[in-house]
C-alpha atoms as a PDB file:
ATOM      1  CA  MET A   1      65.700 -19.025  -1.293  1.00  0.00           C
ATOM      2  CA  THR A   2      67.884 -16.184  -2.514  1.00  0.00           C
ATOM      3  CA  SER A   3      69.177 -13.520  -0.178  1.00  0.00           C
ATOM      4  CA  SER A   4      67.030 -10.852  -1.907  1.00  0.00           C
ATOM      5  CA  ALA A   5      63.839 -12.943  -1.505  1.00  0.00           C
ATOM      6  CA  LEU A   6      64.369 -13.497   2.231  1.00  0.00           C
ATOM      7  CA  PRO A   7      63.407  -9.935   3.312  1.00  0.00           C
ATOM      8  CA  VAL A   8      60.275 -10.084   1.120  1.00  0.00           C
ATOM      9  CA  PHE A   9      59.329 -13.466   2.609  1.00  0.00           C
ATOM     10  CA  VAL A  10      59.850 -12.179   6.174  1.00  0.00           C
ATOM     11  CA  ALA A  11      57.813  -9.038   5.413  1.00  0.00           C
ATOM     12  CA  VAL A  12      54.927 -11.064   3.931  1.00  0.00           C
ATOM     13  CA  LEU A  13      55.033 -13.470   6.888  1.00  0.00           C
ATOM     14  CA  ALA A  14      55.060 -10.571   9.344  1.00  0.00           C
ATOM     15  CA  LEU A  15      52.075  -8.959   7.579  1.00  0.00           C
ATOM     16  CA  ALA A  16      50.190 -12.259   7.669  1.00  0.00           C
ATOM     17  CA  VAL A  17      50.808 -12.614  11.410  1.00  0.00           C
ATOM     18  CA  VAL A  18      49.741  -9.013  12.068  1.00  0.00           C
ATOM     19  CA  ALA A  19      46.601  -9.449   9.944  1.00  0.00           C
ATOM     20  CA  PHE A  20      45.735 -12.657  11.787  1.00  0.00           C
ATOM     21  CA  LEU A  21      46.198 -11.049  15.193  1.00  0.00           C
ATOM     22  CA  LEU A  22      44.201  -7.960  14.233  1.00  0.00           C
ATOM     23  CA  ARG A  23      41.358 -10.056  12.881  1.00  0.00           C
ATOM     24  CA  ARG A  24      41.397 -12.316  15.900  1.00  0.00           C
ATOM     25  CA  HIS A  25      41.442  -9.572  18.523  1.00  0.00           C
ATOM     26  CA  LEU A  26      39.887  -6.477  16.995  1.00  0.00           C
ATOM     27  CA  LEU A  27      36.821  -7.753  15.158  1.00  0.00           C
ATOM     28  CA  PRO A  28      33.565  -7.731  17.092  1.00  0.00           C
ATOM     29  CA  PRO A  29      32.865 -11.211  18.533  1.00  0.00           C
ATOM     30  CA  SER A  30      29.796 -11.718  16.324  1.00  0.00           C
ATOM     31  CA  ARG A  31      31.974 -11.480  13.224  1.00  0.00           C
ATOM     32  CA  SER A  32      34.513 -14.041  14.395  1.00  0.00           C
ATOM     33  CA  LEU A  33      34.464 -17.331  12.554  1.00  0.00           C
ATOM     34  CA  ASP A  34      35.317 -19.080  15.827  1.00  0.00           C
ATOM     35  CA  ALA A  35      32.110 -17.849  17.493  1.00  0.00           C
ATOM     36  CA  PRO A  36      29.214 -18.433  15.093  1.00  0.00           C
ATOM     37  CA  TYR A  37      26.510 -17.006  17.352  1.00  0.00           C
ATOM     38  CA  VAL A  38      23.824 -14.374  17.244  1.00  0.00           C
ATOM     39  CA  ARG A  39      21.793 -12.785  19.995  1.00  0.00           C
ATOM     40  CA  VAL A  40      18.519 -14.442  20.990  1.00  0.00           C
ATOM     41  CA  PRO A  41      15.881 -11.714  20.479  1.00  0.00           C
ATOM     42  CA  VAL A  42      14.222 -12.102  23.918  1.00  0.00           C
ATOM     43  CA  LEU A  43      14.920 -14.190  26.994  1.00  0.00           C
ATOM     44  CA  LEU A  44      11.337 -15.233  27.699  1.00  0.00           C
ATOM     45  CA  SER A  45       8.597 -16.529  25.444  1.00  0.00           C
ATOM     46  CA  PRO A  46       5.356 -14.504  25.416  1.00  0.00           C
ATOM     47  CA  ALA A  47       3.731 -16.959  27.881  1.00  0.00           C
ATOM     48  CA  GLU A  48       6.790 -16.853  30.168  1.00  0.00           C
ATOM     49  CA  ARG A  49       6.871 -13.049  30.025  1.00  0.00           C
ATOM     50  CA  SER A  50       3.183 -12.841  30.873  1.00  0.00           C
ATOM     51  CA  PHE A  51       3.678 -15.212  33.804  1.00  0.00           C
ATOM     52  CA  TYR A  52       6.757 -13.299  34.976  1.00  0.00           C
ATOM     53  CA  GLY A  53       4.760 -10.059  35.125  1.00  0.00           C
ATOM     54  CA  ALA A  54       1.946 -11.703  37.092  1.00  0.00           C
ATOM     55  CA  LEU A  55       4.479 -13.354  39.398  1.00  0.00           C
ATOM     56  CA  GLN A  56       6.200 -10.047  40.137  1.00  0.00           C
ATOM     57  CA  GLN A  57       2.835  -8.461  40.886  1.00  0.00           C
ATOM     58  CA  VAL A  58       1.765 -11.262  43.229  1.00  0.00           C
ATOM     59  CA  LEU A  59       5.070 -11.540  45.100  1.00  0.00           C
ATOM     60  CA  GLY A  60       5.402  -7.812  45.694  1.00  0.00           C
ATOM     61  CA  GLY A  61       9.060  -8.078  46.704  1.00  0.00           C
ATOM     62  CA  ARG A  62       8.649 -11.089  49.009  1.00  0.00           C
ATOM     63  CA  CYS A  63      10.914 -13.089  46.672  1.00  0.00           C
ATOM     64  CA  VAL A  64      13.458 -12.392  43.983  1.00  0.00           C
ATOM     65  CA  VAL A  65      12.521 -14.127  40.737  1.00  0.00           C
ATOM     66  CA  PHE A  66      15.131 -15.600  38.409  1.00  0.00           C
ATOM     67  CA  ALA A  67      14.206 -16.978  35.003  1.00  0.00           C
ATOM     68  CA  LYS A  68      15.695 -19.904  33.068  1.00  0.00           C
ATOM     69  CA  VAL A  69      18.095 -21.140  35.717  1.00  0.00           C
ATOM     70  CA  ARG A  70      20.311 -24.161  35.058  1.00  0.00           C
ATOM     71  CA  LEU A  71      19.373 -27.158  37.165  1.00  0.00           C
ATOM     72  CA  ALA A  72      23.094 -27.658  37.894  1.00  0.00           C
ATOM     73  CA  ASP A  73      23.084 -24.252  39.626  1.00  0.00           C
ATOM     74  CA  LEU A  74      20.299 -25.361  41.982  1.00  0.00           C
ATOM     75  CA  ILE A  75      21.318 -28.885  42.962  1.00  0.00           C
ATOM     76  CA  ARG A  76      24.449 -31.013  43.095  1.00  0.00           C
ATOM     77  CA  PRO A  77      25.187 -34.686  43.709  1.00  0.00           C
ATOM     78  CA  ARG A  78      25.040 -35.665  47.352  1.00  0.00           C
ATOM     79  CA  PRO A  79      28.335 -36.165  49.193  1.00  0.00           C
ATOM     80  CA  GLY A  80      29.750 -39.664  49.437  1.00  0.00           C
ATOM     81  CA  LEU A  81      29.131 -40.813  45.875  1.00  0.00           C
ATOM     82  CA  SER A  82      31.970 -42.471  44.016  1.00  0.00           C
ATOM     83  CA  ARG A  83      33.671 -40.282  41.437  1.00  0.00           C
ATOM     84  CA  PRO A  84      31.930 -42.023  38.475  1.00  0.00           C
ATOM     85  CA  ALA A  85      28.522 -41.880  40.214  1.00  0.00           C
ATOM     86  CA  ASN A  86      29.052 -38.220  41.060  1.00  0.00           C
ATOM     87  CA  ARG A  87      29.965 -37.431  37.443  1.00  0.00           C
ATOM     88  CA  ARG A  88      26.913 -39.328  36.110  1.00  0.00           C
ATOM     89  CA  ALA A  89      24.602 -37.550  38.546  1.00  0.00           C
ATOM     90  CA  PHE A  90      26.067 -34.154  37.668  1.00  0.00           C
ATOM     91  CA  ASN A  91      25.906 -34.844  33.928  1.00  0.00           C
ATOM     92  CA  ARG A  92      22.189 -35.621  34.194  1.00  0.00           C
ATOM     93  CA  THR A  93      21.594 -32.048  35.361  1.00  0.00           C
ATOM     94  CA  LEU A  94      23.594 -30.414  32.579  1.00  0.00           C
ATOM     95  CA  GLY A  95      21.620 -29.001  29.705  1.00  0.00           C
ATOM     96  CA  LYS A  96      18.461 -28.752  31.805  1.00  0.00           C
ATOM     97  CA  HIS A  97      16.965 -25.577  33.161  1.00  0.00           C
ATOM     98  CA  VAL A  98      13.861 -24.616  35.081  1.00  0.00           C
ATOM     99  CA  ASP A  99      11.578 -21.761  34.131  1.00  0.00           C
ATOM    100  CA  PHE A 100      11.518 -19.690  37.337  1.00  0.00           C
ATOM    101  CA  VAL A 101      13.278 -19.794  40.693  1.00  0.00           C
ATOM    102  CA  LEU A 102      11.947 -17.908  43.695  1.00  0.00           C
ATOM    103  CA  CYS A 103      14.578 -16.845  46.206  1.00  0.00           C
ATOM    104  CA  ASP A 104      14.603 -15.247  49.616  1.00  0.00           C
ATOM    105  CA  PRO A 105      15.480 -11.587  48.959  1.00  0.00           C
ATOM    106  CA  ASP A 106      18.024 -11.387  51.799  1.00  0.00           C
ATOM    107  CA  ARG A 107      20.247 -14.422  51.195  1.00  0.00           C
ATOM    108  CA  LEU A 108      18.994 -15.540  47.758  1.00  0.00           C
ATOM    109  CA  ARG A 109      18.238 -18.954  49.258  1.00  0.00           C
ATOM    110  CA  VAL A 110      16.039 -20.939  46.873  1.00  0.00           C
ATOM    111  CA  VAL A 111      12.456 -21.001  48.167  1.00  0.00           C
ATOM    112  CA  ALA A 112      10.770 -22.796  45.257  1.00  0.00           C
ATOM    113  CA  VAL A 113      10.938 -23.609  41.564  1.00  0.00           C
ATOM    114  CA  ILE A 114       8.138 -22.992  39.091  1.00  0.00           C
ATOM    115  CA  GLU A 115       7.760 -24.788  35.778  1.00  0.00           C
ATOM    116  CA  LEU A 116       5.259 -23.582  33.189  1.00  0.00           C
ATOM    117  CA  ASP A 117       3.759 -26.554  31.418  1.00  0.00           C
ATOM    118  CA  ASP A 118       2.906 -25.934  27.781  1.00  0.00           C
ATOM    119  CA  ARG A 119       1.864 -28.658  25.352  1.00  0.00           C
ATOM    120  CA  SER A 120       5.497 -29.766  24.880  1.00  0.00           C
ATOM    121  CA  HIS A 121       5.324 -31.245  28.376  1.00  0.00           C
ATOM    122  CA  ARG A 122       2.966 -33.915  27.008  1.00  0.00           C
ATOM    123  CA  TRP A 123       5.676 -35.349  24.753  1.00  0.00           C
ATOM    124  CA  LYS A 124       7.119 -38.637  25.947  1.00  0.00           C
ATOM    125  CA  HIS A 125      10.757 -37.510  26.129  1.00  0.00           C
ATOM    126  CA  ARG A 126       9.694 -34.310  27.877  1.00  0.00           C
ATOM    127  CA  ALA A 127       7.665 -36.245  30.440  1.00  0.00           C
ATOM    128  CA  ALA A 128      10.776 -38.272  31.333  1.00  0.00           C
ATOM    129  CA  ARG A 129      12.778 -35.053  31.710  1.00  0.00           C
ATOM    130  CA  ASP A 130      10.048 -33.514  33.869  1.00  0.00           C
ATOM    131  CA  GLN A 131       9.975 -36.606  36.106  1.00  0.00           C
ATOM    132  CA  PHE A 132      13.748 -36.483  36.554  1.00  0.00           C
ATOM    133  CA  VAL A 133      13.690 -32.757  37.423  1.00  0.00           C
ATOM    134  CA  ALA A 134      10.825 -33.269  39.883  1.00  0.00           C
ATOM    135  CA  SER A 135      12.530 -36.168  41.658  1.00  0.00           C
ATOM    136  CA  ALA A 136      15.918 -34.416  41.735  1.00  0.00           C
ATOM    137  CA  LEU A 137      14.424 -31.252  43.225  1.00  0.00           C
ATOM    138  CA  ALA A 138      12.402 -33.289  45.744  1.00  0.00           C
ATOM    139  CA  ALA A 139      15.554 -35.160  46.807  1.00  0.00           C
ATOM    140  CA  ALA A 140      17.257 -31.799  47.374  1.00  0.00           C
ATOM    141  CA  GLY A 141      14.278 -30.473  49.345  1.00  0.00           C
ATOM    142  CA  ILE A 142      13.296 -27.817  46.805  1.00  0.00           C
ATOM    143  CA  PRO A 143       9.544 -27.430  46.242  1.00  0.00           C
ATOM    144  CA  LEU A 144       8.367 -27.544  42.630  1.00  0.00           C
ATOM    145  CA  LEU A 145       5.124 -26.018  41.418  1.00  0.00           C
ATOM    146  CA  ARG A 146       3.875 -26.852  37.935  1.00  0.00           C
ATOM    147  CA  ILE A 147       1.564 -24.284  36.380  1.00  0.00           C
ATOM    148  CA  PRO A 148      -0.204 -24.703  33.037  1.00  0.00           C
ATOM    149  CA  ALA A 149       1.034 -22.172  30.484  1.00  0.00           C
ATOM    150  CA  ALA A 150      -1.573 -19.599  29.471  1.00  0.00           C
ATOM    151  CA  ALA A 151      -1.821 -16.371  27.542  1.00  0.00           C
ATOM    152  CA  ALA A 152      -2.625 -14.508  30.773  1.00  0.00           C
ATOM    153  CA  TYR A 153      -2.635 -15.262  34.487  1.00  0.00           C
ATOM    154  CA  ALA A 154      -5.098 -14.111  37.132  1.00  0.00           C
ATOM    155  CA  PRO A 155      -3.071 -12.673  40.025  1.00  0.00           C
ATOM    156  CA  SER A 156      -5.652 -13.874  42.581  1.00  0.00           C
ATOM    157  CA  GLU A 157      -5.372 -17.488  41.363  1.00  0.00           C
ATOM    158  CA  LEU A 158      -1.595 -17.298  41.255  1.00  0.00           C
ATOM    159  CA  ARG A 159      -1.497 -15.805  44.763  1.00  0.00           C
ATOM    160  CA  ALA A 160      -3.697 -18.632  46.064  1.00  0.00           C
ATOM    161  CA  ARG A 161      -1.289 -21.210  44.612  1.00  0.00           C
ATOM    162  CA  LEU A 162       1.865 -19.487  45.890  1.00  0.00           C
ATOM    163  CA  ASP A 163       0.858 -18.343  49.385  1.00  0.00           C
ATOM    164  CA  PRO A 164       0.929 -21.810  51.015  1.00  0.00           C
ATOM    165  CA  TRP A 165       4.426 -22.302  49.647  1.00  0.00           C
ATOM    166  CA  LEU A 166       5.707 -18.975  50.782  1.00  0.00           C
ATOM    167  CA  ARG A 167       4.291 -19.470  54.272  1.00  0.00           C
ATOM    168  CA  SER A 168       5.827 -22.930  54.622  1.00  0.00           C
ATOM    169  CA  SER A 169       9.288 -22.088  53.280  1.00  0.00           C
ATOM    170  CA  GLY A 170      11.609 -22.426  56.267  1.00  0.00           C
ATOM    171  CA  ASP A 171      13.094 -19.068  57.128  1.00  0.00           C
ATOM    172  CA  HIS A 172      11.291 -16.985  54.525  1.00  0.00           C
ATOM    173  CA  PRO A 173       8.945 -14.390  56.011  1.00  0.00           C
ATOM    174  CA  PRO A 174       5.251 -14.929  55.192  1.00  0.00           C
END
């Protein structure tokens, strides 16, 4: 490289580095090639949203309701497992979520989990997943209520299904 070409080369290299850094740090995240994501339009399906509204009405502040909670945020492998067994148990919870979690409003202690069962729950692979979630929650002492998905929910029927749970949940006020 000649001595007159060296400053041009350094200038072009410097511009390339600056352009890279500007693109990497100043573009909105949605435009980045490293993050090929778009926003999901809504968090809950129409059936889940309908149920959520009925649930809020029925609970009247007795519980805080969280939607689409990761199973790994609700349960963990029991102490005393070997490292490989612990990892396997934890990995089984990853990628799974539950529809709704009811929590005590004071400490956010989990009171119960609710799963809405639509027709996908009849599929063989889904049934195996549902059985695993049910047994894992039972082992952890977390009640699970399965409710058939519907277009609308009668608050009186929902209240009748939830009240026994809420009354029997340890330190949660009735």
